[in-house]
Structure formats: structure tokens, C-alpha cells
Amino acid sequence: MTRAIAPPIDRIELTPGSAIQINGIDWDGYISLLQQLGDNRATRIAYTQETLEIRMPGQLHETINRLLATIIMTLAEEYGYEFNGLGSMTIDRPDLGKAIEPDSCFYIQNAQSGQGIENSISSSDIPPDLAIEVDIANRSNHKFDIYRSIAIPELWVYQREGKNLAAGGVIKFKQLDNGVYIDVVNSRAFPALTTAQLAQWIEMRRTGTDLTVIRAVRVFCRQ
């Protein structure tokens, strides 16, 4: 559930799976609040139209996020693609008045040596090639405009209604096409991968471990 609040930011306490909004925040106010939040936190932020959303992921959210990230790294390794995973790094675009922290993001086609370590990443740099958004109960549809403005070419979006482990989730590949995200069957970064195949691997995790899924991904890539 999302509700509107007012600062001070240091009084905000979020339970896993919840989110809050702070409205009427200009860019300088956003930067100030982000500094108050600090880097050592588990929350994710999204900022657009002078509204800052702060979300606290729950356990199921992070399980799916880390599983998808592991699958991406395994696919890249098997196909011999260079890649850099930068987690939920903050992507600020002051020129657009927008900012986002994906659940995970990757540079694949645009991976560079030392990216994010020796080479810092600024708002003017090339955006990540692939980002992950996991929806557990709360919808990320309002974030797509931020991703579109920043021009991230591909999104993997996992959506599940509620927190019931027995409830099935839906995985979608969204590809940026002429400034609009369209749903596609095959991944842009990994053309052989379909949403149906990825859904099978996610389902496999319910009765197996991460390693069970990794082994299945390796078999898929080597066939």
C-alpha cells in the first residue's frame, strides 16, 4: 500500500513489502532526501514529477530478483558475453527530473572494464542494457515512464498478485521500440530466451535451489 507523507525523512520506518510517497519535492529536495537516506540501505527509490517513492522489498521480492540476476549472469557466461552487474544503482537524470533504482541492472552490450569501480558512472553515461523490476502486490507500471525517459533498452518485469507463494507469477520482456515499451516474447540481450522458458526456471526454484536453476540454464545454453 502506498501513502503520501511529509518529511522528516529520518522518521520513516518501512516494513518489508511497503512503500511511501513524498510529494511536492523539487530536484534539490530530492537530492537532499537521498543523501539523508544514505547508501547503506535496503530501500529502492523512484523519482518523477516531483514525487519521491521509497519502497522496501520483502523476502519474496528479493528471492525473485536475485534469481533473475543469477540467470542473467549464467546466460552471459555461457554465451561468452562480457557483462557488469551494478545491482540497484541510482540512475539520476537531473535534465529530465527523473531518477530510478532498478531491482537489478546490467551492462552487457555496453559492458566496459572497471565499470562502476575504476570508472564511475554519471547521469550522462550510457544507461544499463537490461533492468529487472519485481512486483509483489505493488505495481511498477508508473515506473515505466522513468525507464522510457532514461532509455533503458530492455526490462524484465516479474509480477505476482499478493505474497501467496502458491500464486503464480507472470514474467514479461519489455523492449524499447521508438520510445515506447512493447511486450516481446524473446529477450533482446539473449535472443534464444523466451518468457516461457524463463517462467519455467522460476517455477523450478519452488522445488529446487538456485543451483538447480543454474544447472538447467547451462543445459539450455549448451543444447
Foldseek 3Di string as FASTA:
>chain_A
DEEEDADDPVPDDDDAPDKYKYADAAPVSVVVSDVVVPDPDQWWWKWDPRMIMIHHHDPVQLVVLVLVVLLVVLLCVLVVWDKDKDAQDWQDDNVRRIITGFRIFMATVNDDPCDCHPDDDHNPDQDTQEGEHEAAQDDCVVCVLRCLVSPRAKYWYKYFHHDDPVTAIFIWIWGQDPSDTDTDQAHPNGRVDGSVVVSVLVVVCVVHPSVVSSVVSSVVSVD
